[in-house]
Amino acid sequence: MHDWVESLLALQELDIRLAKMDEQLRSIPDKRKEAEKQYAAETEALNLAKAAFKEAELAARKYDGEINALLEKKRAFQSKSAMIKNNDEYRAALLQIEMCDHAVGTLEEKQLEAMMALDGLKETVALREKDLASGKKRAEGMLEDLKTLTANCQAQIDELQAKRPELLKPFAERYPDEPYLERYTRLRAGRGNPTTPCVVPVLDESCGRCRMKITAQLKNDTVNGKLTFCPSCSAMLFWE
């Protein structure tokens, strides 16, 4: 393997590590948003459960007022019936009292159903509160992990960046007139995935990146240490 290839491969290894660290850093905001989104959903679920419970509680209390009003109406008819001497009026009063009893019975059945529903909603609220407490703990843990990951990635990036100037020296000192570094930099700046190598070996007379078969002339040029590129994916080729 030619010296300039070894220098490029060392630089490429460092640059790929840098790209992977940068990729992790750029993914952190989305991960943070996902953790916050999940916690917000659990908070909303609890708020909805509390709102449903409050609405059901108000409905159950409403039955108390309606029942008390009917009982008061019944007592009024009972008081009047004691003073009625006309049979028709008396029977009419008794009918009103009976209708009040029937209405009270219907409302009490509905009230019982409402109370049963209220118990179920109360359990739902308790469950959502438990979910939110777990969600909060989970979200806080995830955010703390992301904070640590951010610090670790940045520390590794700083460490790798500090090593890069040393890897660039051979090109300035030994190959100042050769386009090795310039062509490598151009390839790295292209639209390809920065974590994918752009300097690759020839394997079985094919490009080590896209596996496209190369010509005999291109193979000979690569073996002789000339600067060659894959005609398919533009990767810089070398012979091991």
Protein backbone atom coordinates (compact mmCIF):
# COMPACT_ATOMS: atom_id res chain seq x y z
CA MET A 1 0.00 0.00 0.00
CA HIS A 2 1.37 3.43 -0.93
CA ASP A 3 2.21 5.94 1.80
CA TRP A 4 -0.28 8.55 0.63
CA VAL A 5 -3.04 5.94 0.82
CA GLU A 6 -2.12 5.09 4.41
CA SER A 7 -2.24 8.78 5.29
CA LEU A 8 -5.65 9.19 3.66
CA LEU A 9 -7.03 6.09 5.38
CA ALA A 10 -5.89 7.36 8.79
CA LEU A 11 -7.54 10.71 8.09
CA GLN A 12 -10.67 9.01 6.79
CA GLU A 13 -10.97 6.82 9.90
CA LEU A 14 -10.84 9.91 12.10
CA ASP A 15 -13.31 11.83 9.91
CA ILE A 16 -15.80 8.95 9.94
CA ARG A 17 -15.60 8.79 13.73
CA LEU A 18 -16.22 12.54 13.80
CA ALA A 19 -19.19 12.14 11.47
CA LYS A 20 -20.69 9.44 13.69
CA MET A 21 -20.30 11.63 16.77
CA ASP A 22 -21.88 14.53 14.90
CA GLU A 23 -24.73 12.25 13.79
CA GLN A 24 -25.40 11.30 17.40
CA LEU A 25 -25.36 14.94 18.46
CA ARG A 26 -27.83 15.90 15.75
CA SER A 27 -30.18 13.09 16.79
CA ILE A 28 -30.34 14.26 20.41
CA PRO A 29 -32.87 17.12 19.95
CA ASP A 30 -35.34 14.72 18.32
CA LYS A 31 -34.85 12.20 21.13
CA ARG A 32 -35.38 14.97 23.67
CA LYS A 33 -38.57 16.06 21.92
CA GLU A 34 -39.81 12.47 21.86
CA ALA A 35 -39.29 12.14 25.63
CA GLU A 36 -41.06 15.45 26.24
CA LYS A 37 -43.87 14.49 23.84
CA GLN A 38 -44.49 11.21 25.63
CA TYR A 39 -44.60 12.96 29.03
CA ALA A 40 -46.96 15.60 27.61
CA ALA A 41 -49.28 12.83 26.34
CA GLU A 42 -49.36 11.24 29.79
CA THR A 43 -50.09 14.64 31.34
CA GLU A 44 -52.93 15.20 28.88
CA ALA A 45 -54.33 11.73 29.64
CA LEU A 46 -54.44 12.60 33.34
CA ASN A 47 -56.10 15.97 32.67
CA LEU A 48 -58.77 14.31 30.53
CA ALA A 49 -59.41 11.69 33.22
CA LYS A 50 -59.76 14.40 35.88
CA ALA A 51 -62.10 16.40 33.65
CA ALA A 52 -64.29 13.32 33.04
CA PHE A 53 -64.38 12.59 36.77
CA LYS A 54 -65.35 16.18 37.62
CA GLU A 55 -68.11 16.16 35.00
CA ALA A 56 -69.49 12.88 36.33
CA GLU A 57 -69.28 14.18 39.89
CA LEU A 58 -71.29 17.27 38.98
CA ALA A 59 -73.87 15.09 37.24
CA ALA A 60 -74.21 12.87 40.32
CA ARG A 61 -74.70 15.92 42.55
CA LYS A 62 -77.33 17.24 40.18
CA TYR A 63 -79.50 14.20 40.96
CA ASP A 64 -79.45 15.16 44.67
CA GLY A 65 -81.03 18.52 43.88
CA GLU A 66 -83.67 17.02 41.60
CA ILE A 67 -84.56 14.30 44.11
CA ASN A 68 -84.83 16.81 46.98
CA ALA A 69 -87.06 19.03 44.86
CA LEU A 70 -89.40 16.09 44.13
CA LEU A 71 -89.48 15.07 47.79
CA GLU A 72 -90.35 18.63 48.75
CA LYS A 73 -93.10 18.60 46.12
CA LYS A 74 -94.39 15.29 47.52
CA ARG A 75 -94.51 16.70 51.05
CA ALA A 76 -96.50 19.67 49.78
CA PHE A 77 -99.07 17.36 48.18
CA GLN A 78 -99.22 15.30 51.36
CA SER A 79 -99.90 18.42 53.43
CA LYS A 80 -102.62 19.54 51.06
CA SER A 81 -104.22 16.10 50.88
CA ALA A 82 -104.83 16.11 54.65
CA MET A 83 -107.09 19.13 54.24
CA ILE A 84 -108.92 18.00 51.07
CA LYS A 85 -112.52 16.81 51.61
CA ASN A 86 -113.46 16.33 47.94
CA ASN A 87 -112.82 12.73 46.79
CA ASP A 88 -111.78 13.72 43.26
CA GLU A 89 -109.30 16.27 44.54
CA TYR A 90 -108.02 13.76 47.08
CA ARG A 91 -107.45 11.10 44.41
CA ALA A 92 -105.71 13.72 42.25
CA ALA A 93 -103.38 14.57 45.15
CA LEU A 94 -102.59 10.89 45.72
CA LEU A 95 -101.80 10.51 42.01
CA GLN A 96 -99.39 13.45 42.20
CA ILE A 97 -97.72 11.87 45.25
CA GLU A 98 -97.41 8.56 43.37
CA MET A 99 -95.91 10.31 40.37
CA CYS A 100 -93.36 11.98 42.65
CA ASP A 101 -92.40 8.61 44.14
CA HIS A 102 -91.99 7.13 40.66
CA ALA A 103 -89.88 10.04 39.50
CA VAL A 104 -87.73 9.84 42.65
CA GLY A 105 -87.21 6.11 42.07
CA THR A 106 -86.12 6.71 38.47
CA LEU A 107 -83.70 9.43 39.52
CA GLU A 108 -82.25 7.27 42.31
CA GLU A 109 -81.55 4.49 39.79
CA LYS A 110 -79.79 6.96 37.52
CA GLN A 111 -77.89 8.36 40.49
CA LEU A 112 -76.72 4.87 41.44
CA GLU A 113 -75.48 4.30 37.90
CA ALA A 114 -73.71 7.67 38.00
CA MET A 115 -72.03 6.78 41.30
CA MET A 116 -70.82 3.46 39.88
CA ALA A 117 -69.44 5.28 36.84
CA LEU A 118 -67.81 7.78 39.19
CA ASP A 119 -66.00 4.97 41.02
CA GLY A 120 -64.65 3.71 37.69
CA LEU A 121 -63.49 7.19 36.72
CA LYS A 122 -61.84 7.60 40.09
CA GLU A 123 -59.83 4.43 39.46
CA THR A 124 -58.91 5.76 36.02
CA VAL A 125 -57.62 9.00 37.55
CA ALA A 126 -55.52 7.03 40.03
CA LEU A 127 -54.11 4.92 37.21
CA ARG A 128 -53.28 7.98 35.09
CA GLU A 129 -51.58 9.61 38.10
CA LYS A 130 -49.47 6.48 38.48
CA ASP A 131 -48.65 6.51 34.76
CA LEU A 132 -47.67 10.17 34.94
CA ALA A 133 -45.40 9.60 37.94
CA SER A 134 -43.67 6.74 36.09
CA GLY A 135 -43.56 8.83 32.91
CA LYS A 136 -41.99 11.74 34.72
CA LYS A 137 -39.32 9.51 36.20
CA ARG A 138 -38.69 7.92 32.81
CA ALA A 139 -38.55 11.28 31.01
CA GLU A 140 -36.17 12.74 33.59
CA GLY A 141 -33.93 9.68 33.22
CA MET A 142 -33.95 9.95 29.43
CA LEU A 143 -33.18 13.67 29.52
CA GLU A 144 -30.32 13.08 31.95
CA ASP A 145 -28.96 10.31 29.70
CA LEU A 146 -29.18 12.64 26.69
CA LYS A 147 -27.36 15.33 28.63
CA THR A 148 -24.58 12.86 29.41
CA LEU A 149 -24.52 11.68 25.80
CA THR A 150 -24.21 15.25 24.58
CA ALA A 151 -21.26 15.90 26.87
CA ASN A 152 -19.55 12.64 25.89
CA CYS A 153 -20.03 13.22 22.16
CA GLN A 154 -18.73 16.76 22.38
CA ALA A 155 -15.71 15.61 24.40
CA GLN A 156 -14.89 12.95 21.78
CA ILE A 157 -15.38 15.45 18.95
CA ASP A 158 -12.99 17.89 20.64
CA GLU A 159 -10.45 15.11 21.15
CA LEU A 160 -10.67 13.95 17.54
CA GLN A 161 -10.53 17.49 16.17
CA ALA A 162 -7.34 18.05 18.16
CA LYS A 163 -5.73 15.05 16.43
CA ARG A 164 -6.73 16.04 12.91
CA PRO A 165 -3.98 18.65 12.23
CA GLU A 166 -1.34 15.99 12.84
CA LEU A 167 -2.96 13.74 10.23
CA LEU A 168 -2.94 16.58 7.71
CA LYS A 169 0.81 17.18 8.01
CA PRO A 170 1.93 14.47 5.55
CA PHE A 171 -0.02 16.12 2.75
CA ALA A 172 1.57 19.50 3.39
CA GLU A 173 5.08 18.15 3.99
CA ARG A 174 5.35 15.18 1.59
CA TYR A 175 2.66 15.74 -1.04
CA PRO A 176 2.29 19.52 -1.35
CA ASP A 177 1.83 19.36 -5.11
CA GLU A 178 -0.40 16.29 -5.21
CA PRO A 179 -4.22 16.53 -5.27
CA TYR A 180 -4.77 13.70 -2.79
CA LEU A 181 -6.11 15.80 0.06
CA GLU A 182 -8.01 18.19 -2.19
CA ARG A 183 -9.85 15.36 -3.97
CA TYR A 184 -10.52 13.56 -0.69
CA THR A 185 -11.95 16.74 0.84
CA ARG A 186 -14.16 17.25 -2.20
CA LEU A 187 -15.50 13.70 -1.95
CA ARG A 188 -16.16 14.09 1.78
CA ALA A 189 -18.09 17.29 1.09
CA GLY A 190 -20.33 15.59 -1.45
CA ARG A 191 -23.90 14.46 -0.89
CA GLY A 192 -22.98 10.97 0.27
CA ASN A 193 -23.37 9.65 3.80
CA PRO A 194 -20.45 11.16 5.79
CA THR A 195 -20.10 7.91 7.74
CA THR A 196 -19.49 5.96 4.52
CA PRO A 197 -15.85 5.64 3.34
CA CYS A 198 -14.90 7.48 0.16
CA VAL A 199 -11.43 5.92 0.00
CA VAL A 200 -11.92 2.21 -0.62
CA PRO A 201 -9.85 -0.78 -1.77
CA VAL A 202 -10.27 -2.69 -4.99
CA LEU A 203 -11.77 -6.07 -4.05
CA ASP A 204 -11.92 -8.87 -6.61
CA GLU A 205 -11.30 -6.29 -9.33
CA SER A 206 -14.36 -4.35 -8.17
CA CYS A 207 -14.94 -1.10 -6.28
CA GLY A 208 -14.92 -1.78 -2.57
CA ARG A 209 -17.89 0.52 -2.04
CA CYS A 210 -20.40 -0.05 -4.87
CA ARG A 211 -18.98 -3.42 -6.08
CA MET A 212 -18.91 -2.22 -9.68
CA LYS A 213 -16.37 -4.11 -11.81
CA ILE A 214 -13.45 -1.91 -12.88
CA THR A 215 -11.51 -2.02 -16.15
CA ALA A 216 -8.11 -3.61 -16.53
CA GLN A 217 -6.54 -0.20 -17.20
CA LEU A 218 -8.10 1.29 -14.06
CA LYS A 219 -6.84 -1.69 -12.07
CA ASN A 220 -3.29 -1.22 -13.39
CA ASP A 221 -3.33 2.50 -12.62
CA THR A 222 -4.52 1.77 -9.09
CA VAL A 223 -1.88 -0.90 -8.54
CA ASN A 224 0.79 1.58 -9.71
CA GLY A 225 -0.32 4.13 -7.11
CA LYS A 226 -2.03 6.56 -9.44
CA LEU A 227 -5.00 8.57 -8.20
CA THR A 228 -8.01 6.66 -9.51
CA PHE A 229 -11.76 6.81 -8.96
CA CYS A 230 -14.64 4.42 -9.40
CA PRO A 231 -16.53 5.44 -12.56
CA SER A 232 -19.81 4.43 -10.87
CA CYS A 233 -19.77 5.90 -7.34
CA SER A 234 -16.68 8.19 -7.61
CA ALA A 235 -14.94 6.57 -4.64
CA MET A 236 -11.19 7.00 -4.47
CA LEU A 237 -9.59 3.61 -5.11
CA PHE A 238 -6.43 1.98 -3.79
CA TRP A 239 -4.76 -1.41 -4.05
CA GLU A 240 -4.00 -3.27 -0.84
